[in-house]
Amino acid sequence: TIAHIAGASETPWYVQALTAKGTRKIYPMWAIEVAADEQALTPVVTFVVAALKKKDPGDAYLSGIKYLARIGFDRPEAAPVSHALRAAWARLTEGHRRTLAEIVPHDWRPASAAG
């Protein structure tokens, strides 16, 4: 894909597409998931936290969490996502919870889901 070809050098463009009003977020989030560098960290955290506060967070936030898995969940900047994910866990679809259980560290899930 173009994101694979362009790679991390296009991170500013991916971030611009993510933060622009009126864009479908799934496309830039997927590009960020597979190719972006650390420049995307703050915008991704902002996006994922906002998505997780919604009744229906959609699917794009999953790419943000997969990006965090790639660059490191242990970064202090990622902590707000951990808190938001624990708070939203019960509202997420079973499919999303299964996917997330395979990706995120145990302490990013509520105690009742740590299994």
C-alpha atoms as a PDB file:
ATOM      1  CA  THR A   1       0.000   0.000   0.000  1.00  0.00           C
ATOM      2  CA  ILE A   2       1.002   3.634  -0.255  1.00  0.00           C
ATOM      3  CA  ALA A   3       1.472   3.881   3.519  1.00  0.00           C
ATOM      4  CA  HIS A   4       3.909   0.965   3.383  1.00  0.00           C
ATOM      5  CA  ILE A   5       5.772   2.533   0.478  1.00  0.00           C
ATOM      6  CA  ALA A   6       5.874   6.060   1.903  1.00  0.00           C
ATOM      7  CA  GLY A   7       6.579   4.849   5.425  1.00  0.00           C
ATOM      8  CA  ALA A   8       7.275   7.043   8.403  1.00  0.00           C
ATOM      9  CA  SER A   9       8.413   9.967   6.245  1.00  0.00           C
ATOM     10  CA  GLU A  10       4.748  10.783   5.634  1.00  0.00           C
ATOM     11  CA  THR A  11       3.798  10.842   9.327  1.00  0.00           C
ATOM     12  CA  PRO A  12       3.012  14.592   9.221  1.00  0.00           C
ATOM     13  CA  TRP A  13       0.556  13.973   6.373  1.00  0.00           C
ATOM     14  CA  TYR A  14      -1.088  11.046   8.210  1.00  0.00           C
ATOM     15  CA  VAL A  15      -1.469  13.255  11.298  1.00  0.00           C
ATOM     16  CA  GLN A  16      -2.887  16.114   9.238  1.00  0.00           C
ATOM     17  CA  ALA A  17      -5.469  13.748   7.737  1.00  0.00           C
ATOM     18  CA  LEU A  18      -6.328  12.421  11.201  1.00  0.00           C
ATOM     19  CA  THR A  19      -6.819  15.853  12.735  1.00  0.00           C
ATOM     20  CA  ALA A  20      -8.623  17.475   9.792  1.00  0.00           C
ATOM     21  CA  LYS A  21     -12.339  18.011  10.290  1.00  0.00           C
ATOM     22  CA  GLY A  22     -14.590  16.045   7.990  1.00  0.00           C
ATOM     23  CA  THR A  23     -12.187  13.221   7.147  1.00  0.00           C
ATOM     24  CA  ARG A  24     -12.914   9.551   7.635  1.00  0.00           C
ATOM     25  CA  LYS A  25     -10.557   8.646  10.451  1.00  0.00           C
ATOM     26  CA  ILE A  26     -10.167   4.959   9.632  1.00  0.00           C
ATOM     27  CA  TYR A  27      -7.847   5.672   6.692  1.00  0.00           C
ATOM     28  CA  PRO A  28      -5.270   7.904   8.391  1.00  0.00           C
ATOM     29  CA  MET A  29      -5.414   5.743  11.522  1.00  0.00           C
ATOM     30  CA  TRP A  30      -4.616   2.651   9.481  1.00  0.00           C
ATOM     31  CA  ALA A  31      -1.659   4.449   7.849  1.00  0.00           C
ATOM     32  CA  ILE A  32      -0.475   5.533  11.301  1.00  0.00           C
ATOM     33  CA  GLU A  33      -0.871   1.993  12.608  1.00  0.00           C
ATOM     34  CA  VAL A  34       1.371   0.497   9.946  1.00  0.00           C
ATOM     35  CA  ALA A  35       3.827   3.258   9.114  1.00  0.00           C
ATOM     36  CA  ALA A  36       3.901   6.346  11.339  1.00  0.00           C
ATOM     37  CA  ASP A  37       6.743   7.273  13.608  1.00  0.00           C
ATOM     38  CA  GLU A  38       6.702   8.883  17.051  1.00  0.00           C
ATOM     39  CA  GLN A  39       5.467  12.234  15.688  1.00  0.00           C
ATOM     40  CA  ALA A  40       1.975  10.728  15.665  1.00  0.00           C
ATOM     41  CA  LEU A  41       1.956   9.816  19.355  1.00  0.00           C
ATOM     42  CA  THR A  42       0.171  12.852  20.814  1.00  0.00           C
ATOM     43  CA  PRO A  43      -2.488  13.108  18.061  1.00  0.00           C
ATOM     44  CA  VAL A  44      -3.156   9.368  18.310  1.00  0.00           C
ATOM     45  CA  VAL A  45      -3.550   9.514  22.091  1.00  0.00           C
ATOM     46  CA  THR A  46      -5.917  12.481  21.732  1.00  0.00           C
ATOM     47  CA  PHE A  47      -7.974  10.690  19.077  1.00  0.00           C
ATOM     48  CA  VAL A  48      -8.185   7.358  20.893  1.00  0.00           C
ATOM     49  CA  VAL A  49      -9.136   8.923  24.234  1.00  0.00           C
ATOM     50  CA  ALA A  50     -11.881  10.990  22.540  1.00  0.00           C
ATOM     51  CA  ALA A  51     -13.177   7.943  20.648  1.00  0.00           C
ATOM     52  CA  LEU A  52     -13.301   5.830  23.805  1.00  0.00           C
ATOM     53  CA  LYS A  53     -15.450   8.463  25.531  1.00  0.00           C
ATOM     54  CA  LYS A  54     -18.180   8.014  22.905  1.00  0.00           C
ATOM     55  CA  LYS A  55     -21.041   5.569  23.274  1.00  0.00           C
ATOM     56  CA  ASP A  56     -19.926   4.035  19.959  1.00  0.00           C
ATOM     57  CA  PRO A  57     -16.198   4.587  19.482  1.00  0.00           C
ATOM     58  CA  GLY A  58     -16.219   3.116  15.971  1.00  0.00           C
ATOM     59  CA  ASP A  59     -13.310   1.048  14.693  1.00  0.00           C
ATOM     60  CA  ALA A  60     -10.548   3.574  13.980  1.00  0.00           C
ATOM     61  CA  TYR A  61      -9.391   3.696  17.603  1.00  0.00           C
ATOM     62  CA  LEU A  62      -8.230   0.059  17.271  1.00  0.00           C
ATOM     63  CA  SER A  63      -5.579   1.166  14.783  1.00  0.00           C
ATOM     64  CA  GLY A  64      -4.443   3.744  17.315  1.00  0.00           C
ATOM     65  CA  ILE A  65      -4.021   1.079  19.952  1.00  0.00           C
ATOM     66  CA  LYS A  66      -2.145  -1.134  17.491  1.00  0.00           C
ATOM     67  CA  TYR A  67       0.132   1.847  16.744  1.00  0.00           C
ATOM     68  CA  LEU A  68       0.777   2.203  20.478  1.00  0.00           C
ATOM     69  CA  ALA A  69       1.596  -1.505  20.624  1.00  0.00           C
ATOM     70  CA  ARG A  70       4.161  -0.966  17.880  1.00  0.00           C
ATOM     71  CA  ILE A  71       5.861   2.055  19.414  1.00  0.00           C
ATOM     72  CA  GLY A  72       5.455   1.042  23.048  1.00  0.00           C
ATOM     73  CA  PHE A  73       2.644   0.984  25.578  1.00  0.00           C
ATOM     74  CA  ASP A  74       5.125   1.955  28.281  1.00  0.00           C
ATOM     75  CA  ARG A  75       5.456   5.550  27.091  1.00  0.00           C
ATOM     76  CA  PRO A  76       4.133   8.021  29.681  1.00  0.00           C
ATOM     77  CA  GLU A  77       2.204   9.838  26.936  1.00  0.00           C
ATOM     78  CA  ALA A  78       0.114   6.685  26.392  1.00  0.00           C
ATOM     79  CA  ALA A  79      -1.215   6.578  29.979  1.00  0.00           C
ATOM     80  CA  PRO A  80      -4.458   8.470  29.139  1.00  0.00           C
ATOM     81  CA  VAL A  81      -5.349   5.710  26.672  1.00  0.00           C
ATOM     82  CA  SER A  82      -4.898   3.116  29.393  1.00  0.00           C
ATOM     83  CA  HIS A  83      -7.300   4.974  31.691  1.00  0.00           C
ATOM     84  CA  ALA A  84      -9.846   5.595  28.914  1.00  0.00           C
ATOM     85  CA  LEU A  85      -9.731   1.974  27.789  1.00  0.00           C
ATOM     86  CA  ARG A  86     -10.403   0.639  31.288  1.00  0.00           C
ATOM     87  CA  ALA A  87     -13.325   3.063  31.649  1.00  0.00           C
ATOM     88  CA  ALA A  88     -14.812   2.110  28.249  1.00  0.00           C
ATOM     89  CA  TRP A  89     -14.141  -1.644  28.340  1.00  0.00           C
ATOM     90  CA  ALA A  90     -17.671  -2.752  29.287  1.00  0.00           C
ATOM     91  CA  ARG A  91     -19.205  -0.642  26.466  1.00  0.00           C
ATOM     92  CA  LEU A  92     -16.977  -2.082  23.752  1.00  0.00           C
ATOM     93  CA  THR A  93     -18.210  -4.841  21.497  1.00  0.00           C
ATOM     94  CA  GLU A  94     -17.186  -8.377  22.338  1.00  0.00           C
ATOM     95  CA  GLY A  95     -15.132  -8.483  19.139  1.00  0.00           C
ATOM     96  CA  HIS A  96     -13.221  -5.364  20.095  1.00  0.00           C
ATOM     97  CA  ARG A  97     -12.611  -6.683  23.621  1.00  0.00           C
ATOM     98  CA  ARG A  98     -11.253  -9.945  22.184  1.00  0.00           C
ATOM     99  CA  THR A  99      -8.964  -8.064  19.810  1.00  0.00           C
ATOM    100  CA  LEU A 100      -7.783  -5.737  22.559  1.00  0.00           C
ATOM    101  CA  ALA A 101      -7.183  -8.617  24.980  1.00  0.00           C
ATOM    102  CA  GLU A 102      -4.619  -9.950  22.505  1.00  0.00           C
ATOM    103  CA  ILE A 103      -2.881  -6.573  22.143  1.00  0.00           C
ATOM    104  CA  VAL A 104      -2.897  -4.535  25.326  1.00  0.00           C
ATOM    105  CA  PRO A 105      -1.060  -5.267  28.566  1.00  0.00           C
ATOM    106  CA  HIS A 106      -3.128  -6.788  31.376  1.00  0.00           C
ATOM    107  CA  ASP A 107      -2.983  -3.590  33.424  1.00  0.00           C
ATOM    108  CA  TRP A 108      -4.678  -1.707  30.579  1.00  0.00           C
ATOM    109  CA  ARG A 109      -7.846  -3.765  31.111  1.00  0.00           C
ATOM    110  CA  PRO A 110     -10.259  -3.639  34.040  1.00  0.00           C
ATOM    111  CA  ALA A 111      -9.531  -6.204  36.749  1.00  0.00           C
ATOM    112  CA  SER A 112     -12.655  -8.146  35.760  1.00  0.00           C
ATOM    113  CA  ALA A 113     -11.231  -8.622  32.245  1.00  0.00           C
ATOM    114  CA  ALA A 114      -7.605  -9.339  33.134  1.00  0.00           C
ATOM    115  CA  GLY A 115      -7.914 -13.079  32.430  1.00  0.00           C
END
